Amino acid sequence: LPTKTVMLVCPHCQSPLRDIESDSQPSGVAVATAEQVCTLTCDQGHSFPVVREIPRFVPESNYADCFGFQWTKHAKTQHDQFSGVSISEERFFNETKWPRDLHGELILEVGCGSGRFTTHALSTGADVYSVDLSNAVEINHEINGAHPRLHLCQADILSLPFREQSFDRAFCIGVLQHTPDPESSFHAIAQCVRSGGSLVVDVYDKREGLLSIVEPLFRTYLWIRPLTKNMRPEALYNLVNSYVNFMWPIGRAIGAIPVVGRKLNKMLLIHDYRRRFELSEDQLREWAVLDAFDNLSPQYDQRQTLSTVRRWFDEAGFRDVEVHYGYNGIEGRGIAG
């Protein structure tokens, strides 16, 4: 059993977990292959398997299956150490506004995916507890798992296996809009932050006033996604991959149109970042496939307004709150009271 479970508690009753050894794989656990399994159990009899050093607190199949597939197909696409650019590093530090030296602190990352931001949280010297609902934790483990300060688990954002006020800092980037209840998800993370600690989140934006009616008309994926979100991930990915490859030369021509070219491409689900990121042609196309699939596959896409996100922070008792439009829509930061 790994020694990385010191902070874990039962997500159902909050009682401490202890480990017992097991030679079999419990049914329904979210693992790729059967292996020797340790089990965490609490005094109330709830038990959770630990497979390949990752505690598993969720069923094998859940609404995040598409993300597990996505990050398996694109395990390294957005990782700076493989892409050769600092896109994820810049986004992490620009969004969090955290110092680069956080030795001795505890950071909670909710919705880690394949670990593109985990790498940079670890670079601060903090101990990082990274959680994801999908089996993308497997990819994060493959890429970052050798790091002695990384503690991974597979868990539900609404049922986190941590005591309240356990962490000095917490962040959730690119996730809240894809949960069944973004507000409850926010508060579940917020209660894990100790008094004086920092919380950073982002969420897709929903404009207010007249823009709330006009802007969705230009987000064509919102019209298509009701038809695609229930497709098998493999089938949808093949469809998206074929579409992007067919449209790619057309998209390059459209993208060259001054002022409106990039917006037209987004309407066509062609995400061409050639004037934004220094990526090779193959990398640009790979990102385009990833982002188009990300547009069409999630079960949930629940955008929020600035005023709503501000209210979340206020109701959770945060101070020094900043809420504004940013990289991924709306960014929010605050200090726990």
C-alpha atoms as a PDB file:
ATOM      1  CA  LEU A   1       0.000   0.000   0.000  1.00  0.00           C
ATOM      2  CA  PRO A   2       1.346   3.465  -0.791  1.00  0.00           C
ATOM      3  CA  THR A   3       2.023   5.801   2.126  1.00  0.00           C
ATOM      4  CA  LYS A   4       0.104   8.598   0.400  1.00  0.00           C
ATOM      5  CA  THR A   5      -3.228   8.141   2.149  1.00  0.00           C
ATOM      6  CA  VAL A   6      -2.561  10.036   5.379  1.00  0.00           C
ATOM      7  CA  MET A   7      -5.148  12.736   4.590  1.00  0.00           C
ATOM      8  CA  LEU A   8      -7.811  10.456   3.170  1.00  0.00           C
ATOM      9  CA  VAL A   9     -11.106   9.908   4.980  1.00  0.00           C
ATOM     10  CA  CYS A  10     -14.253   8.051   4.007  1.00  0.00           C
ATOM     11  CA  PRO A  11     -16.207  10.324   1.630  1.00  0.00           C
ATOM     12  CA  HIS A  12     -19.485   8.956   3.029  1.00  0.00           C
ATOM     13  CA  CYS A  13     -18.957   9.356   6.778  1.00  0.00           C
ATOM     14  CA  GLN A  14     -15.678  11.298   7.103  1.00  0.00           C
ATOM     15  CA  SER A  15     -14.193   8.658   9.422  1.00  0.00           C
ATOM     16  CA  PRO A  16     -10.527   7.630   9.078  1.00  0.00           C
ATOM     17  CA  LEU A  17      -9.563   4.957   6.572  1.00  0.00           C
ATOM     18  CA  ARG A  18      -7.317   2.002   7.302  1.00  0.00           C
ATOM     19  CA  ASP A  19      -5.874  -0.444   4.816  1.00  0.00           C
ATOM     20  CA  ILE A  20      -6.375  -4.172   4.477  1.00  0.00           C
ATOM     21  CA  GLU A  21      -4.819  -6.429   1.863  1.00  0.00           C
ATOM     22  CA  SER A  22      -6.913  -8.110  -0.818  1.00  0.00           C
ATOM     23  CA  ASP A  23      -5.967 -10.462  -3.633  1.00  0.00           C
ATOM     24  CA  SER A  24      -9.054  -9.851  -5.745  1.00  0.00           C
ATOM     25  CA  GLN A  25     -10.418  -6.926  -7.676  1.00  0.00           C
ATOM     26  CA  PRO A  26     -13.752  -5.655  -6.299  1.00  0.00           C
ATOM     27  CA  SER A  27     -16.445  -5.426  -8.950  1.00  0.00           C
ATOM     28  CA  GLY A  28     -17.156  -1.994 -10.392  1.00  0.00           C
ATOM     29  CA  VAL A  29     -13.867  -0.322  -9.499  1.00  0.00           C
ATOM     30  CA  ALA A  30     -12.449   2.052 -12.058  1.00  0.00           C
ATOM     31  CA  VAL A  31      -9.333   0.214 -13.230  1.00  0.00           C
ATOM     32  CA  ALA A  32      -8.020  -0.811 -16.614  1.00  0.00           C
ATOM     33  CA  THR A  33      -6.728  -4.278 -15.709  1.00  0.00           C
ATOM     34  CA  ALA A  34      -7.048  -6.675 -12.789  1.00  0.00           C
ATOM     35  CA  GLU A  35      -4.079  -6.448 -10.424  1.00  0.00           C
ATOM     36  CA  GLN A  36      -3.209  -6.987  -6.772  1.00  0.00           C
ATOM     37  CA  VAL A  37      -5.529  -4.650  -4.883  1.00  0.00           C
ATOM     38  CA  CYS A  38      -5.281  -3.176  -1.410  1.00  0.00           C
ATOM     39  CA  THR A  39      -8.482  -1.901   0.158  1.00  0.00           C
ATOM     40  CA  LEU A  40      -9.168   1.122   2.329  1.00  0.00           C
ATOM     41  CA  THR A  41     -11.980   0.677   4.823  1.00  0.00           C
ATOM     42  CA  CYS A  42     -13.597   2.772   7.557  1.00  0.00           C
ATOM     43  CA  ASP A  43     -15.240   1.877  10.868  1.00  0.00           C
ATOM     44  CA  GLN A  44     -18.672   2.069   9.207  1.00  0.00           C
ATOM     45  CA  GLY A  45     -17.734  -0.690   6.774  1.00  0.00           C
ATOM     46  CA  HIS A  46     -17.330   1.392   3.612  1.00  0.00           C
ATOM     47  CA  SER A  47     -14.457   0.076   1.523  1.00  0.00           C
ATOM     48  CA  PHE A  48     -12.496   1.392  -1.440  1.00  0.00           C
ATOM     49  CA  PRO A  49      -9.865  -0.375  -3.560  1.00  0.00           C
ATOM     50  CA  VAL A  50      -6.357   0.933  -4.111  1.00  0.00           C
ATOM     51  CA  VAL A  51      -5.033  -0.111  -7.501  1.00  0.00           C
ATOM     52  CA  ARG A  52      -1.641   0.863  -8.891  1.00  0.00           C
ATOM     53  CA  GLU A  53      -1.159   3.197  -5.919  1.00  0.00           C
ATOM     54  CA  ILE A  54      -4.387   5.096  -6.687  1.00  0.00           C
ATOM     55  CA  PRO A  55      -7.320   4.927  -4.228  1.00  0.00           C
ATOM     56  CA  ARG A  56     -10.616   4.563  -6.125  1.00  0.00           C
ATOM     57  CA  PHE A  57     -13.767   6.121  -4.641  1.00  0.00           C
ATOM     58  CA  VAL A  58     -16.097   5.953  -7.673  1.00  0.00           C
ATOM     59  CA  PRO A  59     -17.769   3.299  -9.856  1.00  0.00           C
ATOM     60  CA  GLU A  60     -16.030   2.083 -12.971  1.00  0.00           C
ATOM     61  CA  SER A  61     -18.428   3.893 -15.323  1.00  0.00           C
ATOM     62  CA  ASN A  62     -19.630   7.476 -14.775  1.00  0.00           C
ATOM     63  CA  TYR A  63     -20.511  10.676 -16.609  1.00  0.00           C
ATOM     64  CA  ALA A  64     -16.813  11.517 -17.051  1.00  0.00           C
ATOM     65  CA  ASP A  65     -16.056   8.480 -19.234  1.00  0.00           C
ATOM     66  CA  CYS A  66     -15.600  10.728 -22.267  1.00  0.00           C
ATOM     67  CA  PHE A  67     -12.838  12.616 -20.452  1.00  0.00           C
ATOM     68  CA  GLY A  68     -11.062   9.404 -19.542  1.00  0.00           C
ATOM     69  CA  PHE A  69     -11.129   8.466 -23.228  1.00  0.00           C
ATOM     70  CA  GLN A  70     -10.072  11.975 -24.252  1.00  0.00           C
ATOM     71  CA  TRP A  71      -7.006  12.062 -22.021  1.00  0.00           C
ATOM     72  CA  THR A  72      -6.017   8.541 -22.974  1.00  0.00           C
ATOM     73  CA  LYS A  73      -6.048   9.507 -26.666  1.00  0.00           C
ATOM     74  CA  HIS A  74      -4.306  12.818 -25.980  1.00  0.00           C
ATOM     75  CA  ALA A  75      -2.204  11.876 -22.977  1.00  0.00           C
ATOM     76  CA  LYS A  76       0.700  14.182 -23.844  1.00  0.00           C
ATOM     77  CA  THR A  77      -0.874  16.779 -26.144  1.00  0.00           C
ATOM     78  CA  GLN A  78      -1.136  19.586 -23.587  1.00  0.00           C
ATOM     79  CA  HIS A  79       1.898  18.696 -21.464  1.00  0.00           C
ATOM     80  CA  ASP A  80       4.649  21.281 -21.837  1.00  0.00           C
ATOM     81  CA  GLN A  81       7.444  18.726 -21.419  1.00  0.00           C
ATOM     82  CA  PHE A  82       6.215  16.929 -24.529  1.00  0.00           C
ATOM     83  CA  SER A  83       4.972  19.860 -26.628  1.00  0.00           C
ATOM     84  CA  GLY A  84       8.126  21.927 -26.130  1.00  0.00           C
ATOM     85  CA  VAL A  85       6.180  25.082 -25.249  1.00  0.00           C
ATOM     86  CA  SER A  86       5.108  26.591 -21.915  1.00  0.00           C
ATOM     87  CA  ILE A  87       1.364  26.921 -22.567  1.00  0.00           C
ATOM     88  CA  SER A  88       0.222  25.009 -19.471  1.00  0.00           C
ATOM     89  CA  GLU A  89       2.836  26.583 -17.194  1.00  0.00           C
ATOM     90  CA  GLU A  90       1.851  30.095 -18.229  1.00  0.00           C
ATOM     91  CA  ARG A  91      -1.832  29.374 -17.812  1.00  0.00           C
ATOM     92  CA  PHE A  92      -1.356  27.787 -14.381  1.00  0.00           C
ATOM     93  CA  PHE A  93       0.611  30.666 -12.886  1.00  0.00           C
ATOM     94  CA  ASN A  94      -1.362  33.391 -14.686  1.00  0.00           C
ATOM     95  CA  GLU A  95      -4.667  31.992 -13.403  1.00  0.00           C
ATOM     96  CA  THR A  96      -3.612  31.145  -9.864  1.00  0.00           C
ATOM     97  CA  LYS A  97      -1.325  34.158  -9.286  1.00  0.00           C
ATOM     98  CA  TRP A  98       0.515  31.888  -6.845  1.00  0.00           C
ATOM     99  CA  PRO A  99       4.219  32.231  -6.054  1.00  0.00           C
ATOM    100  CA  ARG A 100       6.559  29.666  -7.571  1.00  0.00           C
ATOM    101  CA  ASP A 101       7.897  28.570  -4.189  1.00  0.00           C
ATOM    102  CA  LEU A 102       5.273  26.863  -2.012  1.00  0.00           C
ATOM    103  CA  HIS A 103       7.475  24.384  -0.157  1.00  0.00           C
ATOM    104  CA  GLY A 104       5.721  22.887   2.859  1.00  0.00           C
ATOM    105  CA  GLU A 105       2.204  23.693   1.618  1.00  0.00           C
ATOM    106  CA  LEU A 106      -0.604  21.318   0.661  1.00  0.00           C
ATOM    107  CA  ILE A 107      -2.359  21.884  -2.673  1.00  0.00           C
ATOM    108  CA  LEU A 108      -5.613  20.250  -3.780  1.00  0.00           C
ATOM    109  CA  GLU A 109      -6.160  19.886  -7.525  1.00  0.00           C
ATOM    110  CA  VAL A 110      -9.702  18.896  -8.503  1.00  0.00           C
ATOM    111  CA  GLY A 111     -10.181  17.594 -12.035  1.00  0.00           C
ATOM    112  CA  CYS A 112      -6.563  16.815 -12.853  1.00  0.00           C
ATOM    113  CA  GLY A 113      -7.175  15.015 -16.144  1.00  0.00           C
ATOM    114  CA  SER A 114      -3.893  13.764 -17.557  1.00  0.00           C
ATOM    115  CA  GLY A 115      -1.960  16.101 -15.264  1.00  0.00           C
ATOM    116  CA  ARG A 116      -1.002  19.055 -17.465  1.00  0.00           C
ATOM    117  CA  PHE A 117      -1.290  21.402 -14.452  1.00  0.00           C
ATOM    118  CA  THR A 118      -0.229  18.822 -11.863  1.00  0.00           C
ATOM    119  CA  THR A 119       3.311  19.100 -13.198  1.00  0.00           C
ATOM    120  CA  HIS A 120       3.444  22.819 -12.509  1.00  0.00           C
ATOM    121  CA  ALA A 121       1.769  22.602  -9.113  1.00  0.00           C
ATOM    122  CA  LEU A 122       4.481  20.105  -8.146  1.00  0.00           C
ATOM    123  CA  SER A 123       7.161  22.487  -9.433  1.00  0.00           C
ATOM    124  CA  THR A 124       6.342  24.838  -6.539  1.00  0.00           C
ATOM    125  CA  GLY A 125       7.642  22.337  -3.985  1.00  0.00           C
ATOM    126  CA  ALA A 126       4.213  21.740  -2.425  1.00  0.00           C
ATOM    127  CA  ASP A 127       2.606  18.374  -1.759  1.00  0.00           C
ATOM    128  CA  VAL A 128      -0.126  18.014  -4.377  1.00  0.00           C
ATOM    129  CA  TYR A 129      -3.291  15.944  -3.948  1.00  0.00           C
ATOM    130  CA  SER A 130      -4.787  15.474  -7.416  1.00  0.00           C
ATOM    131  CA  VAL A 131      -8.303  14.132  -7.946  1.00  0.00           C
ATOM    132  CA  ASP A 132     -10.251  13.199 -11.052  1.00  0.00           C
ATOM    133  CA  LEU A 133     -13.565  11.432 -11.578  1.00  0.00           C
ATOM    134  CA  SER A 134     -12.395   9.683 -14.735  1.00  0.00           C
ATOM    135  CA  ASN A 135      -9.711   7.083 -15.302  1.00  0.00           C
ATOM    136  CA  ALA A 136      -7.487   9.893 -16.593  1.00  0.00           C
ATOM    137  CA  VAL A 137      -5.777   9.553 -13.204  1.00  0.00           C
ATOM    138  CA  GLU A 138      -4.072   6.552 -14.820  1.00  0.00           C
ATOM    139  CA  ILE A 139      -2.441   8.862 -17.371  1.00  0.00           C
ATOM    140  CA  ASN A 140      -1.469  11.368 -14.695  1.00  0.00           C
ATOM    141  CA  HIS A 141       0.125   8.504 -12.772  1.00  0.00           C
ATOM    142  CA  GLU A 142       2.086   7.388 -15.842  1.00  0.00           C
ATOM    143  CA  ILE A 143       3.411  10.903 -16.441  1.00  0.00           C
ATOM    144  CA  ASN A 144       3.802  12.313 -12.918  1.00  0.00           C
ATOM    145  CA  GLY A 145       3.354   9.302 -10.636  1.00  0.00           C
ATOM    146  CA  ALA A 146       7.030   8.876  -9.812  1.00  0.00           C
ATOM    147  CA  HIS A 147       7.032  12.240  -8.048  1.00  0.00           C
ATOM    148  CA  PRO A 148       7.239  11.697  -4.264  1.00  0.00           C
ATOM    149  CA  ARG A 149       5.006  14.700  -3.494  1.00  0.00           C
ATOM    150  CA  LEU A 150       2.114  13.671  -5.752  1.00  0.00           C
ATOM    151  CA  HIS A 151      -0.896  11.928  -4.186  1.00  0.00           C
ATOM    152  CA  LEU A 152      -3.512  10.753  -6.684  1.00  0.00           C
ATOM    153  CA  CYS A 153      -7.015   9.447  -6.155  1.00  0.00           C
ATOM    154  CA  GLN A 154     -10.085   8.846  -8.297  1.00  0.00           C
ATOM    155  CA  ALA A 155     -13.071  10.497  -6.656  1.00  0.00           C
ATOM    156  CA  ASP A 156     -16.213  12.547  -7.194  1.00  0.00           C
ATOM    157  CA  ILE A 157     -15.959  16.308  -6.747  1.00  0.00           C
ATOM    158  CA  LEU A 158     -19.196  16.190  -4.719  1.00  0.00           C
ATOM    159  CA  SER A 159     -17.852  13.486  -2.421  1.00  0.00           C
ATOM    160  CA  LEU A 160     -14.189  14.265  -1.821  1.00  0.00           C
ATOM    161  CA  PRO A 161     -12.227  11.993   0.559  1.00  0.00           C
ATOM    162  CA  PHE A 162     -10.696  14.833   2.588  1.00  0.00           C
ATOM    163  CA  ARG A 163     -11.521  16.551   5.849  1.00  0.00           C
ATOM    164  CA  GLU A 164     -12.709  20.137   5.726  1.00  0.00           C
ATOM    165  CA  GLN A 165     -10.007  22.834   5.783  1.00  0.00           C
ATOM    166  CA  SER A 166      -7.219  20.372   5.002  1.00  0.00           C
ATOM    167  CA  PHE A 167      -5.426  22.358   2.294  1.00  0.00           C
ATOM    168  CA  ASP A 168      -3.456  25.587   2.035  1.00  0.00           C
ATOM    169  CA  ARG A 169      -4.492  26.036  -1.578  1.00  0.00           C
ATOM    170  CA  ALA A 170      -6.923  24.493  -4.048  1.00  0.00           C
ATOM    171  CA  PHE A 171      -7.502  24.924  -7.755  1.00  0.00           C
ATOM    172  CA  CYS A 172     -10.001  23.635 -10.288  1.00  0.00           C
ATOM    173  CA  ILE A 173      -9.262  24.570 -13.895  1.00  0.00           C
ATOM    174  CA  GLY A 174     -11.478  23.635 -16.835  1.00  0.00           C
ATOM    175  CA  VAL A 175     -13.843  21.432 -14.836  1.00  0.00           C
ATOM    176  CA  LEU A 176     -16.790  23.084 -13.048  1.00  0.00           C
ATOM    177  CA  GLN A 177     -18.914  23.576 -16.172  1.00  0.00           C
ATOM    178  CA  HIS A 178     -18.754  19.830 -16.844  1.00  0.00           C
ATOM    179  CA  THR A 179     -20.216  18.784 -13.479  1.00  0.00           C
ATOM    180  CA  PRO A 180     -23.918  18.074 -12.794  1.00  0.00           C
ATOM    181  CA  ASP A 181     -24.067  20.915 -10.243  1.00  0.00           C
ATOM    182  CA  PRO A 182     -21.318  23.559 -10.638  1.00  0.00           C
ATOM    183  CA  GLU A 183     -22.376  25.537  -7.555  1.00  0.00           C
ATOM    184  CA  SER A 184     -22.346  22.511  -5.248  1.00  0.00           C
ATOM    185  CA  SER A 185     -19.061  21.435  -6.818  1.00  0.00           C
ATOM    186  CA  PHE A 186     -17.555  24.836  -6.047  1.00  0.00           C
ATOM    187  CA  HIS A 187     -18.622  24.653  -2.411  1.00  0.00           C
ATOM    188  CA  ALA A 188     -17.303  21.095  -2.081  1.00  0.00           C
ATOM    189  CA  ILE A 189     -13.854  22.354  -3.073  1.00  0.00           C
ATOM    190  CA  ALA A 190     -14.128  25.554  -1.045  1.00  0.00           C
ATOM    191  CA  GLN A 191     -14.734  23.702   2.211  1.00  0.00           C
ATOM    192  CA  CYS A 192     -11.428  21.864   1.769  1.00  0.00           C
ATOM    193  CA  VAL A 193      -9.454  25.131   2.003  1.00  0.00           C
ATOM    194  CA  ARG A 194      -8.201  26.201   5.428  1.00  0.00           C
ATOM    195  CA  SER A 195      -8.787  29.710   6.791  1.00  0.00           C
ATOM    196  CA  GLY A 196      -6.355  32.047   5.057  1.00  0.00           C
ATOM    197  CA  GLY A 197      -5.871  29.605   2.192  1.00  0.00           C
ATOM    198  CA  SER A 198      -6.273  30.346  -1.504  1.00  0.00           C
ATOM    199  CA  LEU A 199      -8.911  29.008  -3.911  1.00  0.00           C
ATOM    200  CA  VAL A 200      -8.739  29.413  -7.693  1.00  0.00           C
ATOM    201  CA  VAL A 201     -11.390  28.214 -10.157  1.00  0.00           C
ATOM    202  CA  ASP A 202     -12.470  28.897 -13.685  1.00  0.00           C
ATOM    203  CA  VAL A 203     -15.655  28.133 -15.575  1.00  0.00           C
ATOM    204  CA  TYR A 204     -17.066  28.712 -19.040  1.00  0.00           C
ATOM    205  CA  ASP A 205     -18.756  32.108 -19.239  1.00  0.00           C
ATOM    206  CA  LYS A 206     -22.405  32.911 -19.746  1.00  0.00           C
ATOM    207  CA  ARG A 207     -22.941  36.523 -20.721  1.00  0.00           C
ATOM    208  CA  GLU A 208     -25.634  38.662 -19.138  1.00  0.00           C
ATOM    209  CA  GLY A 209     -28.276  40.888 -20.706  1.00  0.00           C
ATOM    210  CA  LEU A 210     -28.759  40.880 -24.480  1.00  0.00           C
ATOM    211  CA  LEU A 211     -25.484  39.029 -25.012  1.00  0.00           C
ATOM    212  CA  SER A 212     -26.933  36.019 -23.183  1.00  0.00           C
ATOM    213  CA  ILE A 213     -29.351  35.644 -26.111  1.00  0.00           C
ATOM    214  CA  VAL A 214     -27.085  36.619 -29.002  1.00  0.00           C
ATOM    215  CA  GLU A 215     -23.786  34.935 -28.158  1.00  0.00           C
ATOM    216  CA  PRO A 216     -25.028  31.306 -27.988  1.00  0.00           C
ATOM    217  CA  LEU A 217     -26.238  31.674 -31.577  1.00  0.00           C
ATOM    218  CA  PHE A 218     -22.594  31.778 -32.670  1.00  0.00           C
ATOM    219  CA  ARG A 219     -21.505  28.810 -30.561  1.00  0.00           C
ATOM    220  CA  THR A 220     -22.482  26.139 -33.042  1.00  0.00           C
ATOM    221  CA  TYR A 221     -21.272  23.253 -30.903  1.00  0.00           C
ATOM    222  CA  LEU A 222     -24.083  24.051 -28.463  1.00  0.00           C
ATOM    223  CA  TRP A 223     -26.570  23.123 -31.197  1.00  0.00           C
ATOM    224  CA  ILE A 224     -24.729  19.925 -32.116  1.00  0.00           C
ATOM    225  CA  ARG A 225     -23.738  18.593 -28.702  1.00  0.00           C
ATOM    226  CA  PRO A 226     -27.231  17.316 -27.726  1.00  0.00           C
ATOM    227  CA  LEU A 227     -26.837  14.896 -30.645  1.00  0.00           C
ATOM    228  CA  THR A 228     -23.243  13.884 -29.897  1.00  0.00           C
ATOM    229  CA  LYS A 229     -22.860  13.763 -26.118  1.00  0.00           C
ATOM    230  CA  ASN A 230     -24.409  10.300 -25.867  1.00  0.00           C
ATOM    231  CA  MET A 231     -22.381   8.787 -28.684  1.00  0.00           C
ATOM    232  CA  ARG A 232     -19.744   6.210 -27.835  1.00  0.00           C
ATOM    233  CA  PRO A 233     -16.515   8.181 -27.297  1.00  0.00           C
ATOM    234  CA  GLU A 234     -14.659   6.048 -29.853  1.00  0.00           C
ATOM    235  CA  ALA A 235     -17.265   6.680 -32.562  1.00  0.00           C
ATOM    236  CA  LEU A 236     -17.462  10.402 -31.841  1.00  0.00           C
ATOM    237  CA  TYR A 237     -13.684  10.731 -31.820  1.00  0.00           C
ATOM    238  CA  ASN A 238     -13.373   9.043 -35.206  1.00  0.00           C
ATOM    239  CA  LEU A 239     -16.040  11.367 -36.594  1.00  0.00           C
ATOM    240  CA  VAL A 240     -14.344  14.464 -35.160  1.00  0.00           C
ATOM    241  CA  ASN A 241     -10.907  13.368 -36.341  1.00  0.00           C
ATOM    242  CA  SER A 242     -12.160  12.840 -39.900  1.00  0.00           C
ATOM    243  CA  TYR A 243     -13.996  16.165 -39.899  1.00  0.00           C
ATOM    244  CA  VAL A 244     -11.029  18.189 -38.636  1.00  0.00           C
ATOM    245  CA  ASN A 245      -8.629  16.567 -41.092  1.00  0.00           C
ATOM    246  CA  PHE A 246     -11.011  17.267 -43.983  1.00  0.00           C
ATOM    247  CA  MET A 247     -11.622  20.875 -42.900  1.00  0.00           C
ATOM    248  CA  TRP A 248      -8.037  21.701 -41.921  1.00  0.00           C
ATOM    249  CA  PRO A 249      -6.862  23.248 -45.239  1.00  0.00           C
ATOM    250  CA  ILE A 250     -10.174  25.092 -45.561  1.00  0.00           C
ATOM    251  CA  GLY A 251      -9.789  26.356 -42.005  1.00  0.00           C
ATOM    252  CA  ARG A 252      -6.314  27.694 -42.772  1.00  0.00           C
ATOM    253  CA  ALA A 253      -7.747  29.779 -45.610  1.00  0.00           C
ATOM    254  CA  ILE A 254     -10.629  31.026 -43.477  1.00  0.00           C
ATOM    255  CA  GLY A 255      -8.284  31.842 -40.605  1.00  0.00           C
ATOM    256  CA  ALA A 256      -6.350  34.205 -42.856  1.00  0.00           C
ATOM    257  CA  ILE A 257      -9.405  36.457 -43.233  1.00  0.00           C
ATOM    258  CA  PRO A 258      -8.738  39.612 -41.187  1.00  0.00           C
ATOM    259  CA  VAL A 259     -10.764  40.239 -38.023  1.00  0.00           C
ATOM    260  CA  VAL A 260     -13.407  37.529 -38.484  1.00  0.00           C
ATOM    261  CA  GLY A 261     -11.353  34.529 -39.640  1.00  0.00           C
ATOM    262  CA  ARG A 262     -10.691  33.033 -36.217  1.00  0.00           C
ATOM    263  CA  LYS A 263     -14.312  33.474 -35.129  1.00  0.00           C
ATOM    264  CA  LEU A 264     -15.578  31.796 -38.289  1.00  0.00           C
ATOM    265  CA  ASN A 265     -13.271  28.864 -37.674  1.00  0.00           C
ATOM    266  CA  LYS A 266     -14.580  28.469 -34.133  1.00  0.00           C
ATOM    267  CA  MET A 267     -18.115  28.373 -35.496  1.00  0.00           C
ATOM    268  CA  LEU A 268     -16.954  25.566 -37.801  1.00  0.00           C
ATOM    269  CA  LEU A 269     -15.350  23.774 -34.808  1.00  0.00           C
ATOM    270  CA  ILE A 270     -11.873  24.333 -36.229  1.00  0.00           C
ATOM    271  CA  HIS A 271      -9.671  25.494 -33.356  1.00  0.00           C
ATOM    272  CA  ASP A 272      -6.551  26.752 -35.107  1.00  0.00           C
ATOM    273  CA  TYR A 273      -4.052  28.259 -32.654  1.00  0.00           C
ATOM    274  CA  ARG A 274      -1.268  29.047 -35.142  1.00  0.00           C
ATOM    275  CA  ARG A 275      -1.240  32.770 -34.347  1.00  0.00           C
ATOM    276  CA  ARG A 276      -1.553  32.161 -30.624  1.00  0.00           C
ATOM    277  CA  PHE A 277       0.808  29.293 -29.769  1.00  0.00           C
ATOM    278  CA  GLU A 278       4.163  28.312 -31.270  1.00  0.00           C
ATOM    279  CA  LEU A 279       3.215  24.768 -32.234  1.00  0.00           C
ATOM    280  CA  SER A 280       4.146  22.664 -35.244  1.00  0.00           C
ATOM    281  CA  GLU A 281       1.554  21.942 -37.933  1.00  0.00           C
ATOM    282  CA  ASP A 282       1.022  18.430 -36.579  1.00  0.00           C
ATOM    283  CA  GLN A 283       0.631  19.769 -33.037  1.00  0.00           C
ATOM    284  CA  LEU A 284      -1.850  22.411 -34.188  1.00  0.00           C
ATOM    285  CA  ARG A 285      -3.981  19.762 -35.847  1.00  0.00           C
ATOM    286  CA  GLU A 286      -3.749  17.523 -32.772  1.00  0.00           C
ATOM    287  CA  TRP A 287      -4.962  20.370 -30.539  1.00  0.00           C
ATOM    288  CA  ALA A 288      -7.773  21.074 -33.010  1.00  0.00           C
ATOM    289  CA  VAL A 289      -9.014  17.481 -32.828  1.00  0.00           C
ATOM    290  CA  LEU A 290      -8.771  17.493 -29.034  1.00  0.00           C
ATOM    291  CA  ASP A 291     -10.708  20.748 -28.660  1.00  0.00           C
ATOM    292  CA  ALA A 292     -13.424  19.773 -31.143  1.00  0.00           C
ATOM    293  CA  PHE A 293     -13.942  16.497 -29.287  1.00  0.00           C
ATOM    294  CA  ASP A 294     -13.978  18.434 -26.009  1.00  0.00           C
ATOM    295  CA  ASN A 295     -16.729  20.667 -27.422  1.00  0.00           C
ATOM    296  CA  LEU A 296     -18.996  17.806 -28.437  1.00  0.00           C
ATOM    297  CA  SER A 297     -18.490  15.007 -25.907  1.00  0.00           C
ATOM    298  CA  PRO A 298     -19.253  16.237 -22.335  1.00  0.00           C
ATOM    299  CA  GLN A 299     -22.536  15.279 -20.703  1.00  0.00           C
ATOM    300  CA  TYR A 300     -22.694  18.714 -19.050  1.00  0.00           C
ATOM    301  CA  ASP A 301     -21.728  22.196 -20.223  1.00  0.00           C
ATOM    302  CA  GLN A 302     -23.136  24.600 -17.650  1.00  0.00           C
ATOM    303  CA  ARG A 303     -21.857  28.114 -18.159  1.00  0.00           C
ATOM    304  CA  GLN A 304     -21.987  30.748 -15.427  1.00  0.00           C
ATOM    305  CA  THR A 305     -22.160  34.528 -15.199  1.00  0.00           C
ATOM    306  CA  LEU A 306     -19.693  36.816 -13.450  1.00  0.00           C
ATOM    307  CA  SER A 307     -22.281  37.706 -10.817  1.00  0.00           C
ATOM    308  CA  THR A 308     -23.013  34.038 -10.103  1.00  0.00           C
ATOM    309  CA  VAL A 309     -19.362  33.130  -9.569  1.00  0.00           C
ATOM    310  CA  ARG A 310     -18.886  36.193  -7.373  1.00  0.00           C
ATOM    311  CA  ARG A 311     -21.870  35.085  -5.287  1.00  0.00           C
ATOM    312  CA  TRP A 312     -20.341  31.634  -4.805  1.00  0.00           C
ATOM    313  CA  PHE A 313     -17.201  33.131  -3.298  1.00  0.00           C
ATOM    314  CA  ASP A 314     -19.182  35.538  -1.116  1.00  0.00           C
ATOM    315  CA  GLU A 315     -21.496  32.824   0.213  1.00  0.00           C
ATOM    316  CA  ALA A 316     -18.505  30.608   1.019  1.00  0.00           C
ATOM    317  CA  GLY A 317     -17.027  33.402   3.144  1.00  0.00           C
ATOM    318  CA  PHE A 318     -14.031  34.280   0.965  1.00  0.00           C
ATOM    319  CA  ARG A 319     -12.313  37.663   1.039  1.00  0.00           C
ATOM    320  CA  ASP A 320     -10.050  39.529  -1.405  1.00  0.00           C
ATOM    321  CA  VAL A 321     -12.168  38.010  -4.160  1.00  0.00           C
ATOM    322  CA  GLU A 322     -11.321  38.611  -7.822  1.00  0.00           C
ATOM    323  CA  VAL A 323     -13.761  37.469 -10.504  1.00  0.00           C
ATOM    324  CA  HIS A 324     -13.197  38.450 -14.126  1.00  0.00           C
ATOM    325  CA  TYR A 325     -13.134  37.175 -17.687  1.00  0.00           C
ATOM    326  CA  GLY A 326      -9.974  35.240 -18.432  1.00  0.00           C
ATOM    327  CA  TYR A 327      -8.348  32.381 -20.291  1.00  0.00           C
ATOM    328  CA  ASN A 328     -11.157  29.858 -20.039  1.00  0.00           C
ATOM    329  CA  GLY A 329     -14.150  32.143 -19.643  1.00  0.00           C
ATOM    330  CA  ILE A 330     -14.445  33.330 -16.042  1.00  0.00           C
ATOM    331  CA  GLU A 331     -11.648  33.140 -13.489  1.00  0.00           C
ATOM    332  CA  GLY A 332     -12.238  33.444  -9.747  1.00  0.00           C
ATOM    333  CA  ARG A 333      -9.764  33.770  -6.884  1.00  0.00           C
ATOM    334  CA  GLY A 334     -10.234  34.332  -3.172  1.00  0.00           C
ATOM    335  CA  ILE A 335      -8.870  33.830   0.328  1.00  0.00           C
ATOM    336  CA  ALA A 336     -10.834  31.656   2.755  1.00  0.00           C
ATOM    337  CA  GLY A 337     -12.168  33.578   5.761  1.00  0.00           C
END
